[in-house]
Amino acid sequence: MSDRSYEEGLKVRREVLGEAHVERASADATAIDRDFQRWITKSVWGEVWTRPHLDRRTKSLVTIDG
């Protein structure tokens, strides 16, 4: 995973969850969860949510149902 994945993931995360939520989560991050948040942003938001196979609505429904 590259830094490009992180940047794309951060963009998608902000679009889906909202700027305020992402900023608050980043500001409240502890030393323990900071690395976890970066990993989630890169791998889930940057590698999975950017895939073209499903639209965001469907991805959201699958996430909620899971």
N, C-alpha and C. Protein backbone atom coordinates (compact mmCIF):
# COMPACT_ATOMS: atom_id res chain seq x y z
N MET A 1 0.84 -1.18 0.00
CA MET A 1 0.00 0.00 0.00
C MET A 1 0.88 1.24 0.00
N SER A 2 0.52 2.20 -0.77
CA SER A 2 1.33 3.40 -0.92
C SER A 2 0.70 4.57 -0.18
N ASP A 3 1.42 5.68 -0.14
CA ASP A 3 0.86 6.90 0.43
C ASP A 3 -0.32 7.38 -0.42
N ARG A 4 -0.30 7.03 -1.69
CA ARG A 4 -1.43 7.38 -2.56
C ARG A 4 -2.71 6.72 -2.04
N SER A 5 -2.60 5.50 -1.58
CA SER A 5 -3.76 4.80 -1.00
C SER A 5 -4.27 5.55 0.22
N TYR A 6 -3.36 6.04 1.03
CA TYR A 6 -3.76 6.80 2.23
C TYR A 6 -4.48 8.08 1.83
N GLU A 7 -3.92 8.82 0.88
CA GLU A 7 -4.52 10.09 0.46
C GLU A 7 -5.90 9.86 -0.18
N GLU A 8 -6.01 8.86 -1.02
CA GLU A 8 -7.30 8.55 -1.62
C GLU A 8 -8.29 8.07 -0.56
N GLY A 9 -7.81 7.28 0.38
CA GLY A 9 -8.66 6.80 1.46
C GLY A 9 -9.16 7.93 2.33
N LEU A 10 -8.29 8.88 2.61
CA LEU A 10 -8.68 10.03 3.43
C LEU A 10 -9.76 10.85 2.72
N LYS A 11 -9.61 11.00 1.42
CA LYS A 11 -10.60 11.73 0.63
C LYS A 11 -11.96 11.03 0.69
N VAL A 12 -11.97 9.72 0.46
CA VAL A 12 -13.22 8.95 0.50
C VAL A 12 -13.82 8.97 1.90
N ARG A 13 -12.99 8.79 2.89
CA ARG A 13 -13.46 8.79 4.28
C ARG A 13 -14.15 10.11 4.61
N ARG A 14 -13.55 11.22 4.18
CA ARG A 14 -14.16 12.53 4.42
C ARG A 14 -15.48 12.68 3.67
N GLU A 15 -15.54 12.19 2.45
CA GLU A 15 -16.77 12.28 1.66
C GLU A 15 -17.89 11.45 2.27
N VAL A 16 -17.57 10.29 2.80
CA VAL A 16 -18.59 9.39 3.35
C VAL A 16 -18.98 9.78 4.78
N LEU A 17 -17.99 10.04 5.62
CA LEU A 17 -18.26 10.29 7.04
C LEU A 17 -18.40 11.77 7.40
N GLY A 18 -17.90 12.63 6.55
CA GLY A 18 -17.94 14.07 6.81
C GLY A 18 -16.63 14.58 7.38
N GLU A 19 -16.32 15.79 7.00
CA GLU A 19 -15.06 16.43 7.42
C GLU A 19 -14.95 16.51 8.94
N ALA A 20 -16.04 16.91 9.60
CA ALA A 20 -16.00 17.09 11.06
C ALA A 20 -15.68 15.78 11.77
N HIS A 21 -16.28 14.69 11.35
CA HIS A 21 -16.03 13.39 11.99
C HIS A 21 -14.57 12.98 11.84
N VAL A 22 -14.05 13.10 10.63
CA VAL A 22 -12.67 12.68 10.37
C VAL A 22 -11.70 13.55 11.15
N GLU A 23 -11.93 14.85 11.17
CA GLU A 23 -11.05 15.75 11.92
C GLU A 23 -11.10 15.45 13.42
N ARG A 24 -12.29 15.20 13.94
CA ARG A 24 -12.45 14.89 15.36
C ARG A 24 -11.74 13.58 15.70
N ALA A 25 -11.91 12.57 14.86
CA ALA A 25 -11.26 11.28 15.09
C ALA A 25 -9.74 11.43 15.06
N SER A 26 -9.24 12.22 14.15
CA SER A 26 -7.79 12.44 14.06
C SER A 26 -7.28 13.21 15.27
N ALA A 27 -8.02 14.21 15.68
CA ALA A 27 -7.61 15.03 16.82
C ALA A 27 -7.65 14.23 18.13
N ASP A 28 -8.60 13.31 18.24
CA ASP A 28 -8.75 12.52 19.46
C ASP A 28 -7.92 11.24 19.47
N ALA A 29 -7.17 11.00 18.41
CA ALA A 29 -6.39 9.76 18.30
C ALA A 29 -5.31 9.70 19.38
N THR A 30 -5.17 8.53 19.96
CA THR A 30 -4.12 8.29 20.95
C THR A 30 -2.93 7.65 20.25
N ALA A 31 -1.86 7.49 20.97
CA ALA A 31 -0.67 6.84 20.41
C ALA A 31 -0.99 5.42 19.95
N ILE A 32 -1.92 4.79 20.63
CA ILE A 32 -2.28 3.41 20.29
C ILE A 32 -3.12 3.35 19.02
N ASP A 33 -4.15 4.17 18.93
CA ASP A 33 -5.03 4.05 17.76
C ASP A 33 -4.64 4.90 16.56
N ARG A 34 -3.65 5.75 16.69
CA ARG A 34 -3.20 6.56 15.56
C ARG A 34 -2.73 5.67 14.39
N ASP A 35 -1.90 4.68 14.70
CA ASP A 35 -1.43 3.76 13.66
C ASP A 35 -2.58 2.94 13.09
N PHE A 36 -3.52 2.55 13.94
CA PHE A 36 -4.67 1.78 13.48
C PHE A 36 -5.53 2.61 12.53
N GLN A 37 -5.76 3.88 12.88
CA GLN A 37 -6.54 4.76 12.00
C GLN A 37 -5.86 4.94 10.65
N ARG A 38 -4.54 5.08 10.66
CA ARG A 38 -3.81 5.22 9.40
C ARG A 38 -3.96 3.95 8.56
N TRP A 39 -3.84 2.80 9.20
CA TRP A 39 -3.97 1.53 8.49
C TRP A 39 -5.37 1.37 7.91
N ILE A 40 -6.40 1.68 8.70
CA ILE A 40 -7.78 1.59 8.22
C ILE A 40 -8.01 2.53 7.04
N THR A 41 -7.48 3.75 7.16
CA THR A 41 -7.65 4.72 6.08
C THR A 41 -7.00 4.23 4.80
N LYS A 42 -5.78 3.68 4.91
CA LYS A 42 -5.08 3.18 3.72
C LYS A 42 -5.74 1.93 3.16
N SER A 43 -5.98 0.94 4.00
CA SER A 43 -6.41 -0.36 3.49
C SER A 43 -7.91 -0.42 3.19
N VAL A 44 -8.73 0.05 4.11
CA VAL A 44 -10.18 -0.06 3.90
C VAL A 44 -10.69 1.07 3.00
N TRP A 45 -10.43 2.30 3.40
CA TRP A 45 -10.94 3.43 2.61
C TRP A 45 -10.17 3.61 1.30
N GLY A 46 -8.86 3.40 1.33
CA GLY A 46 -8.04 3.63 0.14
C GLY A 46 -7.93 2.46 -0.82
N GLU A 47 -8.07 1.24 -0.32
CA GLU A 47 -7.94 0.06 -1.18
C GLU A 47 -9.28 -0.60 -1.50
N VAL A 48 -10.22 -0.58 -0.56
CA VAL A 48 -11.51 -1.25 -0.78
C VAL A 48 -12.57 -0.27 -1.28
N TRP A 49 -12.75 0.83 -0.57
CA TRP A 49 -13.82 1.76 -0.93
C TRP A 49 -13.55 2.49 -2.25
N THR A 50 -12.34 2.46 -2.75
CA THR A 50 -12.06 3.10 -4.04
C THR A 50 -12.26 2.14 -5.21
N ARG A 51 -12.54 0.88 -4.95
CA ARG A 51 -12.79 -0.08 -6.03
C ARG A 51 -14.09 0.28 -6.75
N PRO A 52 -14.11 0.11 -8.07
CA PRO A 52 -15.27 0.56 -8.85
C PRO A 52 -16.43 -0.43 -8.92
N HIS A 53 -16.30 -1.61 -8.37
CA HIS A 53 -17.29 -2.67 -8.59
C HIS A 53 -18.65 -2.41 -7.94
N LEU A 54 -18.67 -1.75 -6.82
CA LEU A 54 -19.92 -1.44 -6.13
C LEU A 54 -19.99 0.06 -5.89
N ASP A 55 -21.19 0.62 -5.94
CA ASP A 55 -21.33 2.04 -5.62
C ASP A 55 -21.25 2.24 -4.11
N ARG A 56 -21.11 3.47 -3.69
CA ARG A 56 -20.95 3.76 -2.25
C ARG A 56 -22.18 3.38 -1.44
N ARG A 57 -23.34 3.54 -2.01
CA ARG A 57 -24.56 3.17 -1.29
C ARG A 57 -24.52 1.68 -0.95
N THR A 58 -24.17 0.86 -1.92
CA THR A 58 -24.10 -0.58 -1.70
C THR A 58 -23.01 -0.92 -0.69
N LYS A 59 -21.87 -0.28 -0.79
CA LYS A 59 -20.78 -0.52 0.17
C LYS A 59 -21.23 -0.16 1.57
N SER A 60 -21.96 0.94 1.69
CA SER A 60 -22.46 1.36 3.01
C SER A 60 -23.45 0.34 3.56
N LEU A 61 -24.35 -0.14 2.71
CA LEU A 61 -25.33 -1.14 3.15
C LEU A 61 -24.65 -2.43 3.58
N VAL A 62 -23.65 -2.86 2.84
CA VAL A 62 -22.92 -4.08 3.19
C VAL A 62 -22.19 -3.87 4.52
N THR A 63 -21.62 -2.70 4.72
CA THR A 63 -20.91 -2.40 5.96
C THR A 63 -21.86 -2.42 7.15
N ILE A 64 -23.02 -1.80 7.00
CA ILE A 64 -24.00 -1.76 8.08
C ILE A 64 -24.53 -3.16 8.38
N ASP A 65 -24.79 -3.93 7.34
CA ASP A 65 -25.34 -5.27 7.51
C ASP A 65 -24.33 -6.24 8.12
N GLY A 66 -23.05 -6.00 7.83
CA GLY A 66 -21.99 -6.91 8.30
C GLY A 66 -21.82 -6.80 9.75
